[in-house]
Amino acid sequence: MVDGGYTGQPFASATDGILGASVQVAKRSELYTFSVIPQRWVVERSFAWIENCRRLWKNTERKLNTSLQLTHLTFLALLLRRL
């Protein structure tokens, strides 16, 4: 499940090639009507949780792997807090 910014064939084919997973985009509904889409809410909630970690606000890490590991640690900390 990804945000609407990740639409497009290059991202979908790269995700399928590297991870072997399909991409499902949580799109906004019509422009002038308000209704909460459950899938989009999950994506936005996850982004809001990540923003609470100050080190992930800006990408200051030299290596991509370090940034990825910090993202994993952030979600792990969130899951452990909820236990």
PDB file of N, CA and C in Angstrom:
ATOM      1  N   MET A   1       0.849  -1.166   0.000  1.00  0.00           N
ATOM      2  CA  MET A   1       0.000   0.000   0.000  1.00  0.00           C
ATOM      3  C   MET A   1       0.899   1.234   0.000  1.00  0.00           C
ATOM      4  N   VAL A   2       0.746   2.075  -1.006  1.00  0.00           N
ATOM      5  CA  VAL A   2       1.567   3.274  -1.120  1.00  0.00           C
ATOM      6  C   VAL A   2       0.686   4.493  -1.309  1.00  0.00           C
ATOM      7  N   ASP A   3       1.277   5.661  -1.127  1.00  0.00           N
ATOM      8  CA  ASP A   3       0.606   6.930  -1.313  1.00  0.00           C
ATOM      9  C   ASP A   3       0.475   7.219  -2.810  1.00  0.00           C
ATOM     10  N   GLY A   4      -0.336   8.202  -3.165  1.00  0.00           N
ATOM     11  CA  GLY A   4      -0.560   8.539  -4.559  1.00  0.00           C
ATOM     12  C   GLY A   4       0.668   9.054  -5.285  1.00  0.00           C
ATOM     13  N   GLY A   5       1.691   9.466  -4.571  1.00  0.00           N
ATOM     14  CA  GLY A   5       2.914   9.949  -5.195  1.00  0.00           C
ATOM     15  C   GLY A   5       3.743   8.852  -5.834  1.00  0.00           C
ATOM     16  N   TYR A   6       3.430   7.607  -5.568  1.00  0.00           N
ATOM     17  CA  TYR A   6       4.207   6.486  -6.087  1.00  0.00           C
ATOM     18  C   TYR A   6       3.511   5.783  -7.240  1.00  0.00           C
ATOM     19  N   THR A   7       2.657   6.498  -7.972  1.00  0.00           N
ATOM     20  CA  THR A   7       2.012   5.900  -9.129  1.00  0.00           C
ATOM     21  C   THR A   7       3.004   5.835 -10.281  1.00  0.00           C
ATOM     22  N   GLY A   8       2.768   4.959 -11.184  1.00  0.00           N
ATOM     23  CA  GLY A   8       3.625   4.863 -12.357  1.00  0.00           C
ATOM     24  C   GLY A   8       4.202   3.474 -12.524  1.00  0.00           C
ATOM     25  N   GLN A   9       4.483   3.149 -13.770  1.00  0.00           N
ATOM     26  CA  GLN A   9       4.987   1.826 -14.100  1.00  0.00           C
ATOM     27  C   GLN A   9       6.417   1.586 -13.617  1.00  0.00           C
ATOM     28  N   PRO A  10       7.337   2.576 -13.662  1.00  0.00           N
ATOM     29  CA  PRO A  10       8.706   2.294 -13.200  1.00  0.00           C
ATOM     30  C   PRO A  10       8.767   1.850 -11.735  1.00  0.00           C
ATOM     31  N   PHE A  11       8.001   2.509 -10.870  1.00  0.00           N
ATOM     32  CA  PHE A  11       7.997   2.139  -9.454  1.00  0.00           C
ATOM     33  C   PHE A  11       7.389   0.756  -9.256  1.00  0.00           C
ATOM     34  N   ALA A  12       6.289   0.486  -9.955  1.00  0.00           N
ATOM     35  CA  ALA A  12       5.624  -0.813  -9.810  1.00  0.00           C
ATOM     36  C   ALA A  12       6.510  -1.947 -10.309  1.00  0.00           C
ATOM     37  N   SER A  13       7.194  -1.734 -11.433  1.00  0.00           N
ATOM     38  CA  SER A  13       8.055  -2.801 -11.958  1.00  0.00           C
ATOM     39  C   SER A  13       9.290  -2.996 -11.089  1.00  0.00           C
ATOM     40  N   ALA A  14       9.839  -1.900 -10.529  1.00  0.00           N
ATOM     41  CA  ALA A  14      10.996  -2.032  -9.638  1.00  0.00           C
ATOM     42  C   ALA A  14      10.610  -2.757  -8.357  1.00  0.00           C
ATOM     43  N   THR A  15       9.434  -2.458  -7.815  1.00  0.00           N
ATOM     44  CA  THR A  15       8.971  -3.126  -6.603  1.00  0.00           C
ATOM     45  C   THR A  15       8.735  -4.610  -6.858  1.00  0.00           C
ATOM     46  N   ASP A  16       8.173  -4.916  -8.009  1.00  0.00           N
ATOM     47  CA  ASP A  16       7.937  -6.319  -8.346  1.00  0.00           C
ATOM     48  C   ASP A  16       9.253  -7.054  -8.573  1.00  0.00           C
ATOM     49  N   GLY A  17      10.209  -6.390  -9.215  1.00  0.00           N
ATOM     50  CA  GLY A  17      11.487  -7.037  -9.492  1.00  0.00           C
ATOM     51  C   GLY A  17      12.339  -7.248  -8.255  1.00  0.00           C
ATOM     52  N   ILE A  18      12.375  -6.259  -7.368  1.00  0.00           N
ATOM     53  CA  ILE A  18      13.240  -6.335  -6.185  1.00  0.00           C
ATOM     54  C   ILE A  18      12.580  -7.115  -5.054  1.00  0.00           C
ATOM     55  N   LEU A  19      11.333  -6.761  -4.748  1.00  0.00           N
ATOM     56  CA  LEU A  19      10.657  -7.359  -3.596  1.00  0.00           C
ATOM     57  C   LEU A  19       9.719  -8.503  -3.963  1.00  0.00           C
ATOM     58  N   GLY A  20       9.330  -8.571  -5.221  1.00  0.00           N
ATOM     59  CA  GLY A  20       8.359  -9.582  -5.621  1.00  0.00           C
ATOM     60  C   GLY A  20       6.968  -9.285  -5.097  1.00  0.00           C
ATOM     61  N   ALA A  21       6.655  -8.000  -4.918  1.00  0.00           N
ATOM     62  CA  ALA A  21       5.365  -7.597  -4.361  1.00  0.00           C
ATOM     63  C   ALA A  21       4.642  -6.694  -5.349  1.00  0.00           C
ATOM     64  N   SER A  22       3.321  -6.712  -5.290  1.00  0.00           N
ATOM     65  CA  SER A  22       2.540  -5.822  -6.143  1.00  0.00           C
ATOM     66  C   SER A  22       2.271  -4.520  -5.403  1.00  0.00           C
ATOM     67  N   VAL A  23       2.037  -3.463  -6.161  1.00  0.00           N
ATOM     68  CA  VAL A  23       1.820  -2.131  -5.599  1.00  0.00           C
ATOM     69  C   VAL A  23       0.341  -1.803  -5.664  1.00  0.00           C
ATOM     70  N   GLN A  24      -0.217  -1.368  -4.540  1.00  0.00           N
ATOM     71  CA  GLN A  24      -1.596  -0.912  -4.491  1.00  0.00           C
ATOM     72  C   GLN A  24      -1.569   0.539  -4.044  1.00  0.00           C
ATOM     73  N   VAL A  25      -2.087   1.444  -4.882  1.00  0.00           N
ATOM     74  CA  VAL A  25      -2.044   2.874  -4.609  1.00  0.00           C
ATOM     75  C   VAL A  25      -3.335   3.287  -3.922  1.00  0.00           C
ATOM     76  N   ALA A  26      -3.210   3.985  -2.787  1.00  0.00           N
ATOM     77  CA  ALA A  26      -4.372   4.525  -2.080  1.00  0.00           C
ATOM     78  C   ALA A  26      -4.632   5.919  -2.628  1.00  0.00           C
ATOM     79  N   LYS A  27      -5.596   6.039  -3.544  1.00  0.00           N
ATOM     80  CA  LYS A  27      -5.869   7.314  -4.205  1.00  0.00           C
ATOM     81  C   LYS A  27      -6.947   8.081  -3.460  1.00  0.00           C
ATOM     82  N   ARG A  28      -6.923   9.386  -3.676  1.00  0.00           N
ATOM     83  CA  ARG A  28      -7.968  10.228  -3.101  1.00  0.00           C
ATOM     84  C   ARG A  28      -9.253  10.039  -3.888  1.00  0.00           C
ATOM     85  N   SER A  29     -10.373  10.245  -3.204  1.00  0.00           N
ATOM     86  CA  SER A  29     -11.650  10.134  -3.900  1.00  0.00           C
ATOM     87  C   SER A  29     -11.896  11.430  -4.667  1.00  0.00           C
ATOM     88  N   GLU A  30     -13.093  11.675  -5.055  1.00  0.00           N
ATOM     89  CA  GLU A  30     -13.410  12.859  -5.844  1.00  0.00           C
ATOM     90  C   GLU A  30     -12.972  14.115  -5.107  1.00  0.00           C
ATOM     91  N   LEU A  31     -12.668  15.152  -5.876  1.00  0.00           N
ATOM     92  CA  LEU A  31     -12.056  16.355  -5.318  1.00  0.00           C
ATOM     93  C   LEU A  31     -12.987  17.105  -4.370  1.00  0.00           C
ATOM     94  N   TYR A  32     -14.272  17.193  -4.683  1.00  0.00           N
ATOM     95  CA  TYR A  32     -15.168  18.036  -3.902  1.00  0.00           C
ATOM     96  C   TYR A  32     -15.992  17.287  -2.865  1.00  0.00           C
ATOM     97  N   THR A  33     -15.849  16.014  -2.769  1.00  0.00           N
ATOM     98  CA  THR A  33     -16.571  15.265  -1.748  1.00  0.00           C
ATOM     99  C   THR A  33     -15.588  14.771  -0.705  1.00  0.00           C
ATOM    100  N   PHE A  34     -16.007  14.782   0.529  1.00  0.00           N
ATOM    101  CA  PHE A  34     -15.133  14.331   1.609  1.00  0.00           C
ATOM    102  C   PHE A  34     -15.600  12.974   2.100  1.00  0.00           C
ATOM    103  N   SER A  35     -14.748  12.016   1.987  1.00  0.00           N
ATOM    104  CA  SER A  35     -14.989  10.711   2.580  1.00  0.00           C
ATOM    105  C   SER A  35     -13.638  10.105   2.915  1.00  0.00           C
ATOM    106  N   VAL A  36     -13.555   9.505   4.067  1.00  0.00           N
ATOM    107  CA  VAL A  36     -12.301   8.924   4.511  1.00  0.00           C
ATOM    108  C   VAL A  36     -12.119   7.564   3.847  1.00  0.00           C
ATOM    109  N   ILE A  37     -11.011   7.414   3.154  1.00  0.00           N
ATOM    110  CA  ILE A  37     -10.681   6.130   2.543  1.00  0.00           C
ATOM    111  C   ILE A  37      -9.827   5.373   3.545  1.00  0.00           C
ATOM    112  N   PRO A  38     -10.233   4.187   3.961  1.00  0.00           N
ATOM    113  CA  PRO A  38      -9.490   3.477   5.006  1.00  0.00           C
ATOM    114  C   PRO A  38      -8.029   3.205   4.646  1.00  0.00           C
ATOM    115  N   GLN A  39      -7.761   2.830   3.402  1.00  0.00           N
ATOM    116  CA  GLN A  39      -6.382   2.527   3.029  1.00  0.00           C
ATOM    117  C   GLN A  39      -5.522   3.784   3.069  1.00  0.00           C
ATOM    118  N   ARG A  40      -6.053   4.892   2.579  1.00  0.00           N
ATOM    119  CA  ARG A  40      -5.287   6.140   2.577  1.00  0.00           C
ATOM    120  C   ARG A  40      -5.030   6.593   4.011  1.00  0.00           C
ATOM    121  N   TRP A  41      -5.976   6.371   4.907  1.00  0.00           N
ATOM    122  CA  TRP A  41      -5.796   6.762   6.296  1.00  0.00           C
ATOM    123  C   TRP A  41      -4.634   6.000   6.920  1.00  0.00           C
ATOM    124  N   VAL A  42      -4.485   4.741   6.576  1.00  0.00           N
ATOM    125  CA  VAL A  42      -3.377   3.935   7.100  1.00  0.00           C
ATOM    126  C   VAL A  42      -2.046   4.503   6.635  1.00  0.00           C
ATOM    127  N   VAL A  43      -1.962   4.902   5.374  1.00  0.00           N
ATOM    128  CA  VAL A  43      -0.724   5.474   4.838  1.00  0.00           C
ATOM    129  C   VAL A  43      -0.408   6.792   5.532  1.00  0.00           C
ATOM    130  N   GLU A  44      -1.392   7.679   5.650  1.00  0.00           N
ATOM    131  CA  GLU A  44      -1.171   8.979   6.285  1.00  0.00           C
ATOM    132  C   GLU A  44      -0.818   8.825   7.762  1.00  0.00           C
ATOM    133  N   ARG A  45      -1.440   7.876   8.442  1.00  0.00           N
ATOM    134  CA  ARG A  45      -1.137   7.633   9.848  1.00  0.00           C
ATOM    135  C   ARG A  45       0.296   7.159  10.010  1.00  0.00           C
ATOM    136  N   SER A  46       0.743   6.293   9.118  1.00  0.00           N
ATOM    137  CA  SER A  46       2.120   5.791   9.192  1.00  0.00           C
ATOM    138  C   SER A  46       3.123   6.914   8.976  1.00  0.00           C
ATOM    139  N   PHE A  47       2.846   7.804   8.009  1.00  0.00           N
ATOM    140  CA  PHE A  47       3.735   8.945   7.788  1.00  0.00           C
ATOM    141  C   PHE A  47       3.757   9.860   9.010  1.00  0.00           C
ATOM    142  N   ALA A  48       2.616  10.051   9.661  1.00  0.00           N
ATOM    143  CA  ALA A  48       2.565  10.896  10.854  1.00  0.00           C
ATOM    144  C   ALA A  48       3.369  10.283  11.991  1.00  0.00           C
ATOM    145  N   TRP A  49       3.341   8.977  12.139  1.00  0.00           N
ATOM    146  CA  TRP A  49       4.133   8.313  13.177  1.00  0.00           C
ATOM    147  C   TRP A  49       5.620   8.496  12.923  1.00  0.00           C
ATOM    148  N   ILE A  50       6.025   8.388  11.658  1.00  0.00           N
ATOM    149  CA  ILE A  50       7.445   8.551  11.326  1.00  0.00           C
ATOM    150  C   ILE A  50       7.911   9.970  11.628  1.00  0.00           C
ATOM    151  N   GLU A  51       7.045  10.968  11.415  1.00  0.00           N
ATOM    152  CA  GLU A  51       7.430  12.358  11.645  1.00  0.00           C
ATOM    153  C   GLU A  51       7.724  12.650  13.112  1.00  0.00           C
ATOM    154  N   ASN A  52       7.283  11.798  14.023  1.00  0.00           N
ATOM    155  CA  ASN A  52       7.595  12.003  15.436  1.00  0.00           C
ATOM    156  C   ASN A  52       9.053  11.710  15.759  1.00  0.00           C
ATOM    157  N   CYS A  53       9.734  10.997  14.899  1.00  0.00           N
ATOM    158  CA  CYS A  53      11.149  10.697  15.095  1.00  0.00           C
ATOM    159  C   CYS A  53      11.968  11.813  14.449  1.00  0.00           C
ATOM    160  N   ARG A  54      12.643  12.613  15.255  1.00  0.00           N
ATOM    161  CA  ARG A  54      13.345  13.784  14.740  1.00  0.00           C
ATOM    162  C   ARG A  54      14.445  13.448  13.755  1.00  0.00           C
ATOM    163  N   ARG A  55      15.079  12.314  13.929  1.00  0.00           N
ATOM    164  CA  ARG A  55      16.198  11.975  13.056  1.00  0.00           C
ATOM    165  C   ARG A  55      15.737  11.663  11.636  1.00  0.00           C
ATOM    166  N   LEU A  56      14.476  11.339  11.460  1.00  0.00           N
ATOM    167  CA  LEU A  56      13.964  11.019  10.134  1.00  0.00           C
ATOM    168  C   LEU A  56      13.298  12.204   9.447  1.00  0.00           C
ATOM    169  N   TRP A  57      13.276  13.381  10.073  1.00  0.00           N
ATOM    170  CA  TRP A  57      12.667  14.552   9.443  1.00  0.00           C
ATOM    171  C   TRP A  57      13.378  14.915   8.151  1.00  0.00           C
ATOM    172  N   LYS A  58      14.707  14.939   8.204  1.00  0.00           N
ATOM    173  CA  LYS A  58      15.507  15.241   7.020  1.00  0.00           C
ATOM    174  C   LYS A  58      16.459  14.087   6.788  1.00  0.00           C
ATOM    175  N   ASN A  59      16.745  13.838   5.554  1.00  0.00           N
ATOM    176  CA  ASN A  59      17.639  12.736   5.219  1.00  0.00           C
ATOM    177  C   ASN A  59      19.083  13.224   5.318  1.00  0.00           C
ATOM    178  N   THR A  60      19.685  13.059   6.483  1.00  0.00           N
ATOM    179  CA  THR A  60      21.056  13.510   6.694  1.00  0.00           C
ATOM    180  C   THR A  60      22.047  12.361   6.698  1.00  0.00           C
ATOM    181  N   GLU A  61      21.575  11.159   6.502  1.00  0.00           N
ATOM    182  CA  GLU A  61      22.465  10.000   6.522  1.00  0.00           C
ATOM    183  C   GLU A  61      23.228   9.902   5.208  1.00  0.00           C
ATOM    184  N   ARG A  62      24.463   9.431   5.284  1.00  0.00           N
ATOM    185  CA  ARG A  62      25.280   9.310   4.076  1.00  0.00           C
ATOM    186  C   ARG A  62      24.892   8.103   3.235  1.00  0.00           C
ATOM    187  N   LYS A  63      24.462   7.052   3.873  1.00  0.00           N
ATOM    188  CA  LYS A  63      24.125   5.830   3.143  1.00  0.00           C
ATOM    189  C   LYS A  63      22.634   5.547   3.252  1.00  0.00           C
ATOM    190  N   LEU A  64      22.076   5.049   2.165  1.00  0.00           N
ATOM    191  CA  LEU A  64      20.651   4.742   2.128  1.00  0.00           C
ATOM    192  C   LEU A  64      20.294   3.633   3.109  1.00  0.00           C
ATOM    193  N   ASN A  65      21.183   2.682   3.289  1.00  0.00           N
ATOM    194  CA  ASN A  65      20.926   1.562   4.192  1.00  0.00           C
ATOM    195  C   ASN A  65      20.745   2.045   5.636  1.00  0.00           C
ATOM    196  N   THR A  66      21.510   3.063   6.036  1.00  0.00           N
ATOM    197  CA  THR A  66      21.373   3.615   7.389  1.00  0.00           C
ATOM    198  C   THR A  66      19.994   4.233   7.580  1.00  0.00           C
ATOM    199  N   SER A  67      19.533   4.980   6.588  1.00  0.00           N
ATOM    200  CA  SER A  67      18.209   5.591   6.662  1.00  0.00           C
ATOM    201  C   SER A  67      17.114   4.524   6.709  1.00  0.00           C
ATOM    202  N   LEU A  68      17.285   3.469   5.940  1.00  0.00           N
ATOM    203  CA  LEU A  68      16.316   2.373   5.943  1.00  0.00           C
ATOM    204  C   LEU A  68      16.269   1.683   7.300  1.00  0.00           C
ATOM    205  N   GLN A  69      17.419   1.446   7.897  1.00  0.00           N
ATOM    206  CA  GLN A  69      17.467   0.802   9.210  1.00  0.00           C
ATOM    207  C   GLN A  69      16.846   1.692  10.287  1.00  0.00           C
ATOM    208  N   LEU A  70      17.042   3.011  10.195  1.00  0.00           N
ATOM    209  CA  LEU A  70      16.411   3.918  11.156  1.00  0.00           C
ATOM    210  C   LEU A  70      14.891   3.904  11.008  1.00  0.00           C
ATOM    211  N   THR A  71      14.408   3.783   9.786  1.00  0.00           N
ATOM    212  CA  THR A  71      12.966   3.680   9.572  1.00  0.00           C
ATOM    213  C   THR A  71      12.426   2.393  10.190  1.00  0.00           C
ATOM    214  N   HIS A  72      13.140   1.302  10.009  1.00  0.00           N
ATOM    215  CA  HIS A  72      12.725   0.027  10.621  1.00  0.00           C
ATOM    216  C   HIS A  72      12.739   0.120  12.145  1.00  0.00           C
ATOM    217  N   LEU A  73      13.770   0.747  12.701  1.00  0.00           N
ATOM    218  CA  LEU A  73      13.840   0.903  14.159  1.00  0.00           C
ATOM    219  C   LEU A  73      12.708   1.774  14.689  1.00  0.00           C
ATOM    220  N   THR A  74      12.333   2.795  13.922  1.00  0.00           N
ATOM    221  CA  THR A  74      11.231   3.660  14.341  1.00  0.00           C
ATOM    222  C   THR A  74       9.926   2.881  14.409  1.00  0.00           C
ATOM    223  N   PHE A  75       9.633   2.099  13.380  1.00  0.00           N
ATOM    224  CA  PHE A  75       8.404   1.305  13.400  1.00  0.00           C
ATOM    225  C   PHE A  75       8.454   0.215  14.462  1.00  0.00           C
ATOM    226  N   LEU A  76       9.623  -0.349  14.698  1.00  0.00           N
ATOM    227  CA  LEU A  76       9.762  -1.350  15.758  1.00  0.00           C
ATOM    228  C   LEU A  76       9.481  -0.729  17.123  1.00  0.00           C
ATOM    229  N   ALA A  77      10.001   0.473  17.356  1.00  0.00           N
ATOM    230  CA  ALA A  77       9.740   1.165  18.623  1.00  0.00           C
ATOM    231  C   ALA A  77       8.252   1.469  18.781  1.00  0.00           C
ATOM    232  N   LEU A  78       7.597   1.868  17.691  1.00  0.00           N
ATOM    233  CA  LEU A  78       6.157   2.132  17.752  1.00  0.00           C
ATOM    234  C   LEU A  78       5.368   0.867  18.082  1.00  0.00           C
ATOM    235  N   LEU A  79       5.758  -0.248  17.477  1.00  0.00           N
ATOM    236  CA  LEU A  79       5.064  -1.505  17.756  1.00  0.00           C
ATOM    237  C   LEU A  79       5.284  -1.965  19.191  1.00  0.00           C
ATOM    238  N   LEU A  80       6.504  -1.806  19.688  1.00  0.00           N
ATOM    239  CA  LEU A  80       6.787  -2.229  21.062  1.00  0.00           C
ATOM    240  C   LEU A  80       6.056  -1.366  22.086  1.00  0.00           C
ATOM    241  N   ARG A  81       5.860  -0.090  21.780  1.00  0.00           N
ATOM    242  CA  ARG A  81       5.109   0.778  22.695  1.00  0.00           C
ATOM    243  C   ARG A  81       3.653   0.361  22.805  1.00  0.00           C
ATOM    244  N   ARG A  82       3.121  -0.215  21.746  1.00  0.00           N
ATOM    245  CA  ARG A  82       1.712  -0.587  21.733  1.00  0.00           C
ATOM    246  C   ARG A  82       1.440  -1.949  22.354  1.00  0.00           C
ATOM    247  N   LEU A  83       2.479  -2.682  22.710  1.00  0.00           N
ATOM    248  CA  LEU A  83       2.280  -3.995  23.341  1.00  0.00           C
ATOM    249  C   LEU A  83       1.898  -3.879  24.788  1.00  0.00           C
TER     250      LEU A  83
END
